[in-house]
Each structure stands twice: as structure tokens, then as C-alpha cells.
Amino acid sequence: MIIISALAVLVGGFLGGCGRFALTRILPSPTCTFAANITGAAVAGVAYGYAAHTQAPEYLLPLLAAGLAGGLSTWSTLAKELGEMIKAKRWWRLARYLFWTIGIGIVVAWRGAWVGSLLA
């Protein structure tokens, strides 16, 4: 089953990476990074909520939460953007960006888990 889970993560990561690439073509930075991270949090929350309340196949959570959400979200780009804000001494923008990314991400993942449990 480990091989199937690993393949599920690879497939999900590929799809998430494609989604992230598409977002970079539509939205400017850092809006793109914010949208990708919030969407990734929502996908992970829904996947977890669904898997926790149903007899979902074992590959579903690795496919959606680790693969798709992990490939879509981009903490390394967030770190790069925060570093650029530090270098430019844009403290308020940095504080707002970090606060809203983490705050909304937590809420969206939590509500996503609730939605996932309703889908089960």
C-alpha cells in the first residue's frame, strides 16, 4: 500500500503544481501565492474531513492533502516574498500578509474539514 500512497502523492503533486503554474499566469505576486496557499488549505481540510468520516480509499488523503494541496501551496515562495518585504523594510505589509495568510489559512482548513465531513 506504500507504493500506491507514494504514487498518489506524486499524481496529486503534479496536478497541484499544474494548478499553481496556472495561477502564476492569472494573478500577480503575492496575490498568486496567497490564493494558492488558501486554496491548498481548503483542499487539505476538505480531504481530511472527508477521510476522517468515511471509509475512503487509503490513497485519497495522500492524493489530495499531501499531493494536490502540497503541490498547489507554496510556502517557499511565501518565505521569499516575506524576505523581500523585510529587505524593503515594508513592516506593515509583511505583518498584514503573514497575519492574513496564516489566519485565513487556518480558518479555511478548519471549515474545509467541516465541509468534508458533510460530504461523507
PDB file of N, CA and C in Angstrom:
ATOM      1  N   MET A   1       0.810  -1.192   0.000  1.00  0.00           N
ATOM      2  CA  MET A   1       0.000   0.000   0.000  1.00  0.00           C
ATOM      3  C   MET A   1       0.857   1.261   0.000  1.00  0.00           C
ATOM      4  N   ILE A   2       2.097   1.156   0.463  1.00  0.00           N
ATOM      5  CA  ILE A   2       3.004   2.304   0.496  1.00  0.00           C
ATOM      6  C   ILE A   2       3.277   2.804  -0.922  1.00  0.00           C
ATOM      7  N   ILE A   3       3.417   1.893  -1.856  1.00  0.00           N
ATOM      8  CA  ILE A   3       3.689   2.288  -3.247  1.00  0.00           C
ATOM      9  C   ILE A   3       2.495   3.033  -3.823  1.00  0.00           C
ATOM     10  N   ILE A   4       1.292   2.566  -3.539  1.00  0.00           N
ATOM     11  CA  ILE A   4       0.089   3.244  -4.046  1.00  0.00           C
ATOM     12  C   ILE A   4      -0.022   4.638  -3.426  1.00  0.00           C
ATOM     13  N   SER A   5       0.265   4.764  -2.136  1.00  0.00           N
ATOM     14  CA  SER A   5       0.222   6.078  -1.486  1.00  0.00           C
ATOM     15  C   SER A   5       1.271   7.012  -2.073  1.00  0.00           C
ATOM     16  N   ALA A   6       2.467   6.487  -2.321  1.00  0.00           N
ATOM     17  CA  ALA A   6       3.524   7.307  -2.915  1.00  0.00           C
ATOM     18  C   ALA A   6       3.137   7.761  -4.325  1.00  0.00           C
ATOM     19  N   LEU A   7       2.560   6.866  -5.093  1.00  0.00           N
ATOM     20  CA  LEU A   7       2.102   7.248  -6.432  1.00  0.00           C
ATOM     21  C   LEU A   7       0.972   8.272  -6.363  1.00  0.00           C
ATOM     22  N   ALA A   8       0.103   8.124  -5.372  1.00  0.00           N
ATOM     23  CA  ALA A   8      -0.988   9.092  -5.194  1.00  0.00           C
ATOM     24  C   ALA A   8      -0.429  10.472  -4.878  1.00  0.00           C
ATOM     25  N   VAL A   9       0.591  10.544  -4.031  1.00  0.00           N
ATOM     26  CA  VAL A   9       1.224  11.825  -3.716  1.00  0.00           C
ATOM     27  C   VAL A   9       1.864  12.423  -4.964  1.00  0.00           C
ATOM     28  N   LEU A  10       2.518  11.578  -5.756  1.00  0.00           N
ATOM     29  CA  LEU A  10       3.147  12.066  -6.994  1.00  0.00           C
ATOM     30  C   LEU A  10       2.114  12.620  -7.972  1.00  0.00           C
ATOM     31  N   VAL A  11       1.040  11.897  -8.170  1.00  0.00           N
ATOM     32  CA  VAL A  11      -0.010  12.351  -9.093  1.00  0.00           C
ATOM     33  C   VAL A  11      -0.647  13.639  -8.565  1.00  0.00           C
ATOM     34  N   GLY A  12      -0.983  13.651  -7.285  1.00  0.00           N
ATOM     35  CA  GLY A  12      -1.568  14.851  -6.692  1.00  0.00           C
ATOM     36  C   GLY A  12      -0.615  16.040  -6.749  1.00  0.00           C
ATOM     37  N   GLY A  13       0.654  15.794  -6.495  1.00  0.00           N
ATOM     38  CA  GLY A  13       1.657  16.860  -6.571  1.00  0.00           C
ATOM     39  C   GLY A  13       1.795  17.420  -7.968  1.00  0.00           C
ATOM     40  N   PHE A  14       1.737  16.549  -8.958  1.00  0.00           N
ATOM     41  CA  PHE A  14       1.789  17.005 -10.350  1.00  0.00           C
ATOM     42  C   PHE A  14       0.587  17.887 -10.664  1.00  0.00           C
ATOM     43  N   LEU A  15      -0.606  17.445 -10.271  1.00  0.00           N
ATOM     44  CA  LEU A  15      -1.819  18.228 -10.535  1.00  0.00           C
ATOM     45  C   LEU A  15      -1.799  19.551  -9.766  1.00  0.00           C
ATOM     46  N   GLY A  16      -1.347  19.506  -8.523  1.00  0.00           N
ATOM     47  CA  GLY A  16      -1.244  20.732  -7.738  1.00  0.00           C
ATOM     48  C   GLY A  16      -0.234  21.700  -8.325  1.00  0.00           C
ATOM     49  N   GLY A  17       0.890  21.168  -8.801  1.00  0.00           N
ATOM     50  CA  GLY A  17       1.897  22.008  -9.446  1.00  0.00           C
ATOM     51  C   GLY A  17       1.377  22.648 -10.722  1.00  0.00           C
ATOM     52  N   CYS A  18       0.591  21.895 -11.465  1.00  0.00           N
ATOM     53  CA  CYS A  18      -0.026  22.462 -12.681  1.00  0.00           C
ATOM     54  C   CYS A  18      -1.003  23.577 -12.310  1.00  0.00           C
ATOM     55  N   GLY A  19      -1.765  23.364 -11.247  1.00  0.00           N
ATOM     56  CA  GLY A  19      -2.686  24.395 -10.781  1.00  0.00           C
ATOM     57  C   GLY A  19      -1.943  25.639 -10.320  1.00  0.00           C
ATOM     58  N   ARG A  20      -0.852  25.427  -9.627  1.00  0.00           N
ATOM     59  CA  ARG A  20      -0.028  26.559  -9.162  1.00  0.00           C
ATOM     60  C   ARG A  20       0.536  27.326 -10.341  1.00  0.00           C
ATOM     61  N   PHE A  21       1.012  26.618 -11.351  1.00  0.00           N
ATOM     62  CA  PHE A  21       1.548  27.262 -12.554  1.00  0.00           C
ATOM     63  C   PHE A  21       0.460  28.083 -13.242  1.00  0.00           C
ATOM     64  N   ALA A  22      -0.744  27.532 -13.326  1.00  0.00           N
ATOM     65  CA  ALA A  22      -1.854  28.258 -13.947  1.00  0.00           C
ATOM     66  C   ALA A  22      -2.156  29.543 -13.170  1.00  0.00           C
ATOM     67  N   LEU A  23      -2.105  29.470 -11.845  1.00  0.00           N
ATOM     68  CA  LEU A  23      -2.347  30.667 -11.035  1.00  0.00           C
ATOM     69  C   LEU A  23      -1.301  31.746 -11.295  1.00  0.00           C
ATOM     70  N   THR A  24      -0.042  31.339 -11.522  1.00  0.00           N
ATOM     71  CA  THR A  24       1.002  32.337 -11.779  1.00  0.00           C
ATOM     72  C   THR A  24       0.756  33.071 -13.093  1.00  0.00           C
ATOM     73  N   ARG A  25       0.012  32.467 -13.988  1.00  0.00           N
ATOM     74  CA  ARG A  25      -0.303  33.104 -15.269  1.00  0.00           C
ATOM     75  C   ARG A  25      -1.514  34.025 -15.171  1.00  0.00           C
ATOM     76  N   ILE A  26      -2.302  33.861 -14.108  1.00  0.00           N
ATOM     77  CA  ILE A  26      -3.537  34.628 -13.968  1.00  0.00           C
ATOM     78  C   ILE A  26      -3.375  35.788 -12.986  1.00  0.00           C
ATOM     79  N   LEU A  27      -2.714  35.528 -11.851  1.00  0.00           N
ATOM     80  CA  LEU A  27      -2.627  36.506 -10.768  1.00  0.00           C
ATOM     81  C   LEU A  27      -1.199  36.990 -10.565  1.00  0.00           C
ATOM     82  N   PRO A  28      -1.037  38.247 -10.152  1.00  0.00           N
ATOM     83  CA  PRO A  28       0.306  38.746  -9.849  1.00  0.00           C
ATOM     84  C   PRO A  28       0.774  38.265  -8.476  1.00  0.00           C
ATOM     85  N   SER A  29       2.063  38.328  -8.255  1.00  0.00           N
ATOM     86  CA  SER A  29       2.628  38.001  -6.955  1.00  0.00           C
ATOM     87  C   SER A  29       2.454  39.223  -6.060  1.00  0.00           C
ATOM     88  N   PRO A  30       2.171  39.134  -4.809  1.00  0.00           N
ATOM     89  CA  PRO A  30       1.965  37.995  -3.943  1.00  0.00           C
ATOM     90  C   PRO A  30       0.517  37.487  -3.905  1.00  0.00           C
ATOM     91  N   THR A  31      -0.364  38.090  -4.674  1.00  0.00           N
ATOM     92  CA  THR A  31      -1.757  37.632  -4.699  1.00  0.00           C
ATOM     93  C   THR A  31      -1.838  36.166  -5.106  1.00  0.00           C
ATOM     94  N   CYS A  32      -1.024  35.777  -6.063  1.00  0.00           N
ATOM     95  CA  CYS A  32      -0.999  34.389  -6.537  1.00  0.00           C
ATOM     96  C   CYS A  32      -0.595  33.443  -5.412  1.00  0.00           C
ATOM     97  N   THR A  33       0.425  33.793  -4.668  1.00  0.00           N
ATOM     98  CA  THR A  33       0.892  32.951  -3.572  1.00  0.00           C
ATOM     99  C   THR A  33      -0.182  32.824  -2.502  1.00  0.00           C
ATOM    100  N   PHE A  34      -0.817  33.938  -2.177  1.00  0.00           N
ATOM    101  CA  PHE A  34      -1.893  33.927  -1.187  1.00  0.00           C
ATOM    102  C   PHE A  34      -3.026  33.009  -1.646  1.00  0.00           C
ATOM    103  N   ALA A  35      -3.468  33.166  -2.894  1.00  0.00           N
ATOM    104  CA  ALA A  35      -4.564  32.342  -3.428  1.00  0.00           C
ATOM    105  C   ALA A  35      -4.189  30.863  -3.439  1.00  0.00           C
ATOM    106  N   ALA A  36      -2.963  30.550  -3.827  1.00  0.00           N
ATOM    107  CA  ALA A  36      -2.527  29.155  -3.871  1.00  0.00           C
ATOM    108  C   ALA A  36      -2.502  28.549  -2.470  1.00  0.00           C
ATOM    109  N   ASN A  37      -1.998  29.292  -1.506  1.00  0.00           N
ATOM    110  CA  ASN A  37      -1.907  28.764  -0.145  1.00  0.00           C
ATOM    111  C   ASN A  37      -3.279  28.592   0.493  1.00  0.00           C
ATOM    112  N   ILE A  38      -4.186  29.526   0.253  1.00  0.00           N
ATOM    113  CA  ILE A  38      -5.528  29.416   0.825  1.00  0.00           C
ATOM    114  C   ILE A  38      -6.292  28.272   0.153  1.00  0.00           C
ATOM    115  N   THR A  39      -6.149  28.142  -1.144  1.00  0.00           N
ATOM    116  CA  THR A  39      -6.803  27.031  -1.846  1.00  0.00           C
ATOM    117  C   THR A  39      -6.241  25.699  -1.377  1.00  0.00           C
ATOM    118  N   GLY A  40      -4.928  25.624  -1.202  1.00  0.00           N
ATOM    119  CA  GLY A  40      -4.311  24.404  -0.691  1.00  0.00           C
ATOM    120  C   GLY A  40      -4.816  24.048   0.694  1.00  0.00           C
ATOM    121  N   ALA A  41      -4.990  25.048   1.559  1.00  0.00           N
ATOM    122  CA  ALA A  41      -5.526  24.801   2.900  1.00  0.00           C
ATOM    123  C   ALA A  41      -6.955  24.270   2.820  1.00  0.00           C
ATOM    124  N   ALA A  42      -7.733  24.818   1.903  1.00  0.00           N
ATOM    125  CA  ALA A  42      -9.122  24.350   1.736  1.00  0.00           C
ATOM    126  C   ALA A  42      -9.159  22.908   1.245  1.00  0.00           C
ATOM    127  N   VAL A  43      -8.335  22.587   0.271  1.00  0.00           N
ATOM    128  CA  VAL A  43      -8.292  21.222  -0.269  1.00  0.00           C
ATOM    129  C   VAL A  43      -7.870  20.240   0.821  1.00  0.00           C
ATOM    130  N   ALA A  44      -6.842  20.594   1.576  1.00  0.00           N
ATOM    131  CA  ALA A  44      -6.372  19.706   2.649  1.00  0.00           C
ATOM    132  C   ALA A  44      -7.449  19.518   3.709  1.00  0.00           C
ATOM    133  N   GLY A  45      -8.146  20.598   4.067  1.00  0.00           N
ATOM    134  CA  GLY A  45      -9.204  20.494   5.064  1.00  0.00           C
ATOM    135  C   GLY A  45     -10.351  19.618   4.612  1.00  0.00           C
ATOM    136  N   VAL A  46     -10.817  19.825   3.389  1.00  0.00           N
ATOM    137  CA  VAL A  46     -11.919  19.010   2.864  1.00  0.00           C
ATOM    138  C   VAL A  46     -11.500  17.544   2.782  1.00  0.00           C
ATOM    139  N   ALA A  47     -10.289  17.293   2.301  1.00  0.00           N
ATOM    140  CA  ALA A  47      -9.809  15.914   2.190  1.00  0.00           C
ATOM    141  C   ALA A  47      -9.746  15.244   3.556  1.00  0.00           C
ATOM    142  N   TYR A  48      -9.219  15.963   4.540  1.00  0.00           N
ATOM    143  CA  TYR A  48      -9.137  15.390   5.880  1.00  0.00           C
ATOM    144  C   TYR A  48     -10.527  15.127   6.462  1.00  0.00           C
ATOM    145  N   GLY A  49     -11.414  16.113   6.361  1.00  0.00           N
ATOM    146  CA  GLY A  49     -12.757  15.950   6.900  1.00  0.00           C
ATOM    147  C   GLY A  49     -13.499  14.790   6.269  1.00  0.00           C
ATOM    148  N   TYR A  50     -13.328  14.635   4.971  1.00  0.00           N
ATOM    149  CA  TYR A  50     -13.984  13.538   4.267  1.00  0.00           C
ATOM    150  C   TYR A  50     -13.395  12.192   4.686  1.00  0.00           C
ATOM    151  N   ALA A  51     -12.060  12.111   4.684  1.00  0.00           N
ATOM    152  CA  ALA A  51     -11.394  10.844   5.013  1.00  0.00           C
ATOM    153  C   ALA A  51     -11.635  10.432   6.457  1.00  0.00           C
ATOM    154  N   ALA A  52     -11.791  11.401   7.352  1.00  0.00           N
ATOM    155  CA  ALA A  52     -11.997  11.079   8.764  1.00  0.00           C
ATOM    156  C   ALA A  52     -13.398  10.556   9.054  1.00  0.00           C
ATOM    157  N   HIS A  53     -14.344  10.810   8.173  1.00  0.00           N
ATOM    158  CA  HIS A  53     -15.731  10.436   8.438  1.00  0.00           C
ATOM    159  C   HIS A  53     -16.302   9.414   7.468  1.00  0.00           C
ATOM    160  N   THR A  54     -15.443   8.784   6.713  1.00  0.00           N
ATOM    161  CA  THR A  54     -15.932   7.796   5.758  1.00  0.00           C
ATOM    162  C   THR A  54     -14.898   6.697   5.571  1.00  0.00           C
ATOM    163  N   GLN A  55     -15.286   5.677   4.893  1.00  0.00           N
ATOM    164  CA  GLN A  55     -14.380   4.575   4.550  1.00  0.00           C
ATOM    165  C   GLN A  55     -13.703   4.886   3.213  1.00  0.00           C
ATOM    166  N   ALA A  56     -13.051   6.027   3.128  1.00  0.00           N
ATOM    167  CA  ALA A  56     -12.393   6.448   1.887  1.00  0.00           C
ATOM    168  C   ALA A  56     -11.216   5.523   1.580  1.00  0.00           C
ATOM    169  N   PRO A  57     -10.900   5.357   0.311  1.00  0.00           N
ATOM    170  CA  PRO A  57      -9.715   4.560  -0.034  1.00  0.00           C
ATOM    171  C   PRO A  57      -8.461   5.158   0.621  1.00  0.00           C
ATOM    172  N   GLU A  58      -7.513   4.292   0.945  1.00  0.00           N
ATOM    173  CA  GLU A  58      -6.315   4.744   1.656  1.00  0.00           C
ATOM    174  C   GLU A  58      -5.479   5.736   0.860  1.00  0.00           C
ATOM    175  N   TYR A  59      -5.614   5.734  -0.441  1.00  0.00           N
ATOM    176  CA  TYR A  59      -4.815   6.644  -1.262  1.00  0.00           C
ATOM    177  C   TYR A  59      -5.434   8.038  -1.366  1.00  0.00           C
ATOM    178  N   LEU A  60      -6.683   8.231  -0.939  1.00  0.00           N
ATOM    179  CA  LEU A  60      -7.379   9.502  -1.141  1.00  0.00           C
ATOM    180  C   LEU A  60      -6.722  10.648  -0.373  1.00  0.00           C
ATOM    181  N   LEU A  61      -6.434  10.451   0.907  1.00  0.00           N
ATOM    182  CA  LEU A  61      -5.826  11.521   1.700  1.00  0.00           C
ATOM    183  C   LEU A  61      -4.424  11.876   1.191  1.00  0.00           C
ATOM    184  N   PRO A  62      -3.547  10.899   0.903  1.00  0.00           N
ATOM    185  CA  PRO A  62      -2.253  11.271   0.321  1.00  0.00           C
ATOM    186  C   PRO A  62      -2.390  11.980  -1.031  1.00  0.00           C
ATOM    187  N   LEU A  63      -3.348  11.544  -1.841  1.00  0.00           N
ATOM    188  CA  LEU A  63      -3.558  12.162  -3.150  1.00  0.00           C
ATOM    189  C   LEU A  63      -3.960  13.622  -3.013  1.00  0.00           C
ATOM    190  N   LEU A  64      -4.946  13.896  -2.155  1.00  0.00           N
ATOM    191  CA  LEU A  64      -5.494  15.242  -2.059  1.00  0.00           C
ATOM    192  C   LEU A  64      -4.734  16.146  -1.088  1.00  0.00           C
ATOM    193  N   ALA A  65      -4.488  15.664   0.130  1.00  0.00           N
ATOM    194  CA  ALA A  65      -3.884  16.526   1.153  1.00  0.00           C
ATOM    195  C   ALA A  65      -2.379  16.705   0.938  1.00  0.00           C
ATOM    196  N   ALA A  66      -1.660  15.615   0.812  1.00  0.00           N
ATOM    197  CA  ALA A  66      -0.208  15.730   0.643  1.00  0.00           C
ATOM    198  C   ALA A  66       0.163  16.111  -0.785  1.00  0.00           C
ATOM    199  N   GLY A  67      -0.489  15.480  -1.753  1.00  0.00           N
ATOM    200  CA  GLY A  67      -0.134  15.709  -3.145  1.00  0.00           C
ATOM    201  C   GLY A  67      -0.702  16.994  -3.710  1.00  0.00           C
ATOM    202  N   LEU A  68      -2.016  17.034  -3.891  1.00  0.00           N
ATOM    203  CA  LEU A  68      -2.658  18.181  -4.536  1.00  0.00           C
ATOM    204  C   LEU A  68      -2.463  19.460  -3.725  1.00  0.00           C
ATOM    205  N   ALA A  69      -2.817  19.432  -2.449  1.00  0.00           N
ATOM    206  CA  ALA A  69      -2.680  20.634  -1.618  1.00  0.00           C
ATOM    207  C   ALA A  69      -1.211  21.025  -1.448  1.00  0.00           C
ATOM    208  N   GLY A  70      -0.348  20.027  -1.290  1.00  0.00           N
ATOM    209  CA  GLY A  70       1.074  20.320  -1.139  1.00  0.00           C
ATOM    210  C   GLY A  70       1.705  20.880  -2.401  1.00  0.00           C
ATOM    211  N   GLY A  71       1.275  20.373  -3.559  1.00  0.00           N
ATOM    212  CA  GLY A  71       1.799  20.890  -4.817  1.00  0.00           C
ATOM    213  C   GLY A  71       1.247  22.264  -5.165  1.00  0.00           C
ATOM    214  N   LEU A  72       0.042  22.516  -4.732  1.00  0.00           N
ATOM    215  CA  LEU A  72      -0.588  23.802  -5.013  1.00  0.00           C
ATOM    216  C   LEU A  72      -0.065  24.904  -4.107  1.00  0.00           C
ATOM    217  N   SER A  73       0.033  24.622  -2.820  1.00  0.00           N
ATOM    218  CA  SER A  73       0.506  25.643  -1.890  1.00  0.00           C
ATOM    219  C   SER A  73       2.010  25.824  -2.034  1.00  0.00           C
ATOM    220  N   THR A  74       2.490  26.963  -1.612  1.00  0.00           N
ATOM    221  CA  THR A  74       3.889  27.274  -1.844  1.00  0.00           C
ATOM    222  C   THR A  74       4.469  28.092  -0.698  1.00  0.00           C
ATOM    223  N   TRP A  75       4.915  27.399   0.327  1.00  0.00           N
ATOM    224  CA  TRP A  75       5.487  28.087   1.473  1.00  0.00           C
ATOM    225  C   TRP A  75       6.859  28.661   1.154  1.00  0.00           C
ATOM    226  N   SER A  76       7.571  28.071   0.216  1.00  0.00           N
ATOM    227  CA  SER A  76       8.883  28.619  -0.142  1.00  0.00           C
ATOM    228  C   SER A  76       8.742  29.979  -0.829  1.00  0.00           C
ATOM    229  N   THR A  77       7.737  30.127  -1.682  1.00  0.00           N
ATOM    230  CA  THR A  77       7.507  31.421  -2.321  1.00  0.00           C
ATOM    231  C   THR A  77       7.031  32.442  -1.296  1.00  0.00           C
ATOM    232  N   LEU A  78       6.207  32.006  -0.345  1.00  0.00           N
ATOM    233  CA  LEU A  78       5.784  32.896   0.737  1.00  0.00           C
ATOM    234  C   LEU A  78       7.008  33.400   1.493  1.00  0.00           C
ATOM    235  N   ALA A  79       7.932  32.507   1.816  1.00  0.00           N
ATOM    236  CA  ALA A  79       9.148  32.894   2.535  1.00  0.00           C
ATOM    237  C   ALA A  79       9.980  33.879   1.716  1.00  0.00           C
ATOM    238  N   LYS A  80      10.067  33.649   0.419  1.00  0.00           N
ATOM    239  CA  LYS A  80      10.818  34.560  -0.456  1.00  0.00           C
ATOM    240  C   LYS A  80      10.173  35.938  -0.465  1.00  0.00           C
ATOM    241  N   GLU A  81       8.858  35.976  -0.587  1.00  0.00           N
ATOM    242  CA  GLU A  81       8.153  37.256  -0.609  1.00  0.00           C
ATOM    243  C   GLU A  81       8.272  37.986   0.725  1.00  0.00           C
ATOM    244  N   LEU A  82       8.193  37.255   1.825  1.00  0.00           N
ATOM    245  CA  LEU A  82       8.373  37.866   3.145  1.00  0.00           C
ATOM    246  C   LEU A  82       9.794  38.404   3.297  1.00  0.00           C
ATOM    247  N   GLY A  83      10.773  37.659   2.785  1.00  0.00           N
ATOM    248  CA  GLY A  83      12.163  38.126   2.813  1.00  0.00           C
ATOM    249  C   GLY A  83      12.352  39.408   2.022  1.00  0.00           C
ATOM    250  N   GLU A  84      11.688  39.500   0.884  1.00  0.00           N
ATOM    251  CA  GLU A  84      11.756  40.730   0.080  1.00  0.00           C
ATOM    252  C   GLU A  84      11.132  41.906   0.825  1.00  0.00           C
ATOM    253  N   MET A  85      10.033  41.642   1.549  1.00  0.00           N
ATOM    254  CA  MET A  85       9.403  42.709   2.329  1.00  0.00           C
ATOM    255  C   MET A  85      10.298  43.151   3.479  1.00  0.00           C
ATOM    256  N   ILE A  86      11.031  42.208   4.072  1.00  0.00           N
ATOM    257  CA  ILE A  86      11.975  42.552   5.138  1.00  0.00           C
ATOM    258  C   ILE A  86      13.092  43.419   4.578  1.00  0.00           C
ATOM    259  N   LYS A  87      13.658  43.019   3.433  1.00  0.00           N
ATOM    260  CA  LYS A  87      14.738  43.804   2.813  1.00  0.00           C
ATOM    261  C   LYS A  87      14.281  45.213   2.475  1.00  0.00           C
ATOM    262  N   ALA A  88      13.031  45.339   2.031  1.00  0.00           N
ATOM    263  CA  ALA A  88      12.484  46.650   1.671  1.00  0.00           C
ATOM    264  C   ALA A  88      11.948  47.404   2.886  1.00  0.00           C
ATOM    265  N   LYS A  89      12.017  46.775   4.064  1.00  0.00           N
ATOM    266  CA  LYS A  89      11.529  47.360   5.315  1.00  0.00           C
ATOM    267  C   LYS A  89      10.060  47.767   5.214  1.00  0.00           C
ATOM    268  N   ARG A  90       9.284  46.906   4.602  1.00  0.00           N
ATOM    269  CA  ARG A  90       7.839  47.125   4.489  1.00  0.00           C
ATOM    270  C   ARG A  90       7.155  46.319   5.589  1.00  0.00           C
ATOM    271  N   TRP A  91       7.322  46.779   6.819  1.00  0.00           N
ATOM    272  CA  TRP A  91       6.911  46.029   8.002  1.00  0.00           C
ATOM    273  C   TRP A  91       5.409  45.819   8.087  1.00  0.00           C
ATOM    274  N   TRP A  92       4.626  46.846   7.823  1.00  0.00           N
ATOM    275  CA  TRP A  92       3.168  46.697   7.913  1.00  0.00           C
ATOM    276  C   TRP A  92       2.641  45.759   6.856  1.00  0.00           C
ATOM    277  N   ARG A  93       3.179  45.854   5.653  1.00  0.00           N
ATOM    278  CA  ARG A  93       2.739  44.940   4.592  1.00  0.00           C
ATOM    279  C   ARG A  93       3.094  43.507   4.955  1.00  0.00           C
ATOM    280  N   LEU A  94       4.288  43.304   5.489  1.00  0.00           N
ATOM    281  CA  LEU A  94       4.725  41.978   5.914  1.00  0.00           C
ATOM    282  C   LEU A  94       3.804  41.437   7.001  1.00  0.00           C
ATOM    283  N   ALA A  95       3.503  42.270   8.004  1.00  0.00           N
ATOM    284  CA  ALA A  95       2.654  41.824   9.106  1.00  0.00           C
ATOM    285  C   ALA A  95       1.251  41.468   8.614  1.00  0.00           C
ATOM    286  N   ARG A  96       0.689  42.309   7.744  1.00  0.00           N
ATOM    287  CA  ARG A  96      -0.649  42.026   7.214  1.00  0.00           C
ATOM    288  C   ARG A  96      -0.654  40.754   6.372  1.00  0.00           C
ATOM    289  N   TYR A  97       0.322  40.631   5.506  1.00  0.00           N
ATOM    290  CA  TYR A  97       0.398  39.467   4.617  1.00  0.00           C
ATOM    291  C   TYR A  97       0.531  38.170   5.413  1.00  0.00           C
ATOM    292  N   LEU A  98       1.419  38.171   6.377  1.00  0.00           N
ATOM    293  CA  LEU A  98       1.638  36.978   7.192  1.00  0.00           C
ATOM    294  C   LEU A  98       0.405  36.681   8.052  1.00  0.00           C
ATOM    295  N   PHE A  99      -0.166  37.704   8.671  1.00  0.00           N
ATOM    296  CA  PHE A  99      -1.340  37.528   9.510  1.00  0.00           C
ATOM    297  C   PHE A  99      -2.498  36.944   8.711  1.00  0.00           C
ATOM    298  N   TRP A 100      -2.800  37.529   7.555  1.00  0.00           N
ATOM    299  CA  TRP A 100      -3.946  37.073   6.765  1.00  0.00           C
ATOM    300  C   TRP A 100      -3.700  35.702   6.155  1.00  0.00           C
ATOM    301  N   THR A 101      -2.483  35.425   5.727  1.00  0.00           N
ATOM    302  CA  THR A 101      -2.188  34.109   5.157  1.00  0.00           C
ATOM    303  C   THR A 101      -2.376  33.011   6.197  1.00  0.00           C
ATOM    304  N   ILE A 102      -1.808  33.197   7.368  1.00  0.00           N
ATOM    305  CA  ILE A 102      -1.916  32.175   8.410  1.00  0.00           C
ATOM    306  C   ILE A 102      -3.332  32.132   8.983  1.00  0.00           C
ATOM    307  N   GLY A 103      -3.883  33.295   9.286  1.00  0.00           N
ATOM    308  CA  GLY A 103      -5.219  33.343   9.886  1.00  0.00           C
ATOM    309  C   GLY A 103      -6.299  32.768   8.989  1.00  0.00           C
ATOM    310  N   ILE A 104      -6.350  33.237   7.765  1.00  0.00           N
ATOM    311  CA  ILE A 104      -7.367  32.732   6.840  1.00  0.00           C
ATOM    312  C   ILE A 104      -7.091  31.275   6.488  1.00  0.00           C
ATOM    313  N   GLY A 105      -5.815  30.911   6.366  1.00  0.00           N
ATOM    314  CA  GLY A 105      -5.477  29.518   6.063  1.00  0.00           C
ATOM    315  C   GLY A 105      -5.981  28.556   7.119  1.00  0.00           C
ATOM    316  N   ILE A 106      -5.827  28.924   8.387  1.00  0.00           N
ATOM    317  CA  ILE A 106      -6.307  28.064   9.479  1.00  0.00           C
ATOM    318  C   ILE A 106      -7.828  27.956   9.449  1.00  0.00           C
ATOM    319  N   VAL A 107      -8.490  29.089   9.281  1.00  0.00           N
ATOM    320  CA  VAL A 107      -9.957  29.085   9.259  1.00  0.00           C
ATOM    321  C   VAL A 107     -10.480  28.285   8.068  1.00  0.00           C
ATOM    322  N   VAL A 108      -9.868  28.471   6.907  1.00  0.00           N
ATOM    323  CA  VAL A 108     -10.316  27.764   5.699  1.00  0.00           C
ATOM    324  C   VAL A 108     -10.091  26.253   5.838  1.00  0.00           C
ATOM    325  N   ALA A 109      -8.967  25.854   6.403  1.00  0.00           N
ATOM    326  CA  ALA A 109      -8.719  24.422   6.606  1.00  0.00           C
ATOM    327  C   ALA A 109      -9.730  23.842   7.592  1.00  0.00           C
ATOM    328  N   TRP A 110     -10.014  24.561   8.661  1.00  0.00           N
ATOM    329  CA  TRP A 110     -10.989  24.116   9.668  1.00  0.00           C
ATOM    330  C   TRP A 110     -12.384  24.001   9.067  1.00  0.00           C
ATOM    331  N   ARG A 111     -12.808  25.017   8.334  1.00  0.00           N
ATOM    332  CA  ARG A 111     -14.125  24.965   7.702  1.00  0.00           C
ATOM    333  C   ARG A 111     -14.158  23.928   6.584  1.00  0.00           C
ATOM    334  N   GLY A 112     -13.036  23.754   5.907  1.00  0.00           N
ATOM    335  CA  GLY A 112     -12.947  22.725   4.876  1.00  0.00           C
ATOM    336  C   GLY A 112     -13.130  21.337   5.465  1.00  0.00           C
ATOM    337  N   ALA A 113     -12.576  21.101   6.653  1.00  0.00           N
ATOM    338  CA  ALA A 113     -12.766  19.812   7.308  1.00  0.00           C
ATOM    339  C   ALA A 113     -14.232  19.599   7.645  1.00  0.00           C
ATOM    340  N   TRP A 114     -14.913  20.662   8.036  1.00  0.00           N
ATOM    341  CA  TRP A 114     -16.346  20.572   8.310  1.00  0.00           C
ATOM    342  C   TRP A 114     -17.110  20.239   7.039  1.00  0.00           C
ATOM    343  N   VAL A 115     -16.780  20.908   5.936  1.00  0.00           N
ATOM    344  CA  VAL A 115     -17.429  20.617   4.647  1.00  0.00           C
ATOM    345  C   VAL A 115     -17.156  19.176   4.229  1.00  0.00           C
ATOM    346  N   GLY A 116     -15.902  18.729   4.396  1.00  0.00           N
ATOM    347  CA  GLY A 116     -15.557  17.351   4.065  1.00  0.00           C
ATOM    348  C   GLY A 116     -16.363  16.343   4.860  1.00  0.00           C
ATOM    349  N   SER A 117     -16.593  16.653   6.142  1.00  0.00           N
ATOM    350  CA  SER A 117     -17.392  15.729   6.966  1.00  0.00           C
ATOM    351  C   SER A 117     -18.845  15.703   6.506  1.00  0.00           C
ATOM    352  N   LEU A 118     -19.346  16.821   5.992  1.00  0.00           N
ATOM    353  CA  LEU A 118     -20.716  16.847   5.456  1.00  0.00           C
ATOM    354  C   LEU A 118     -20.815  16.051   4.150  1.00  0.00           C
ATOM    355  N   LEU A 119     -19.732  16.013   3.388  1.00  0.00           N
ATOM    356  CA  LEU A 119     -19.726  15.273   2.129  1.00  0.00           C
ATOM    357  C   LEU A 119     -19.646  13.767   2.339  1.00  0.00           C
ATOM    358  N   ALA A 120     -19.195  13.370   3.534  1.00  0.00           N
ATOM    359  CA  ALA A 120     -19.007  11.946   3.826  1.00  0.00           C
ATOM    360  C   ALA A 120     -20.326  11.217   3.947  1.00  0.00           C
TER     361      ALA A 120
END
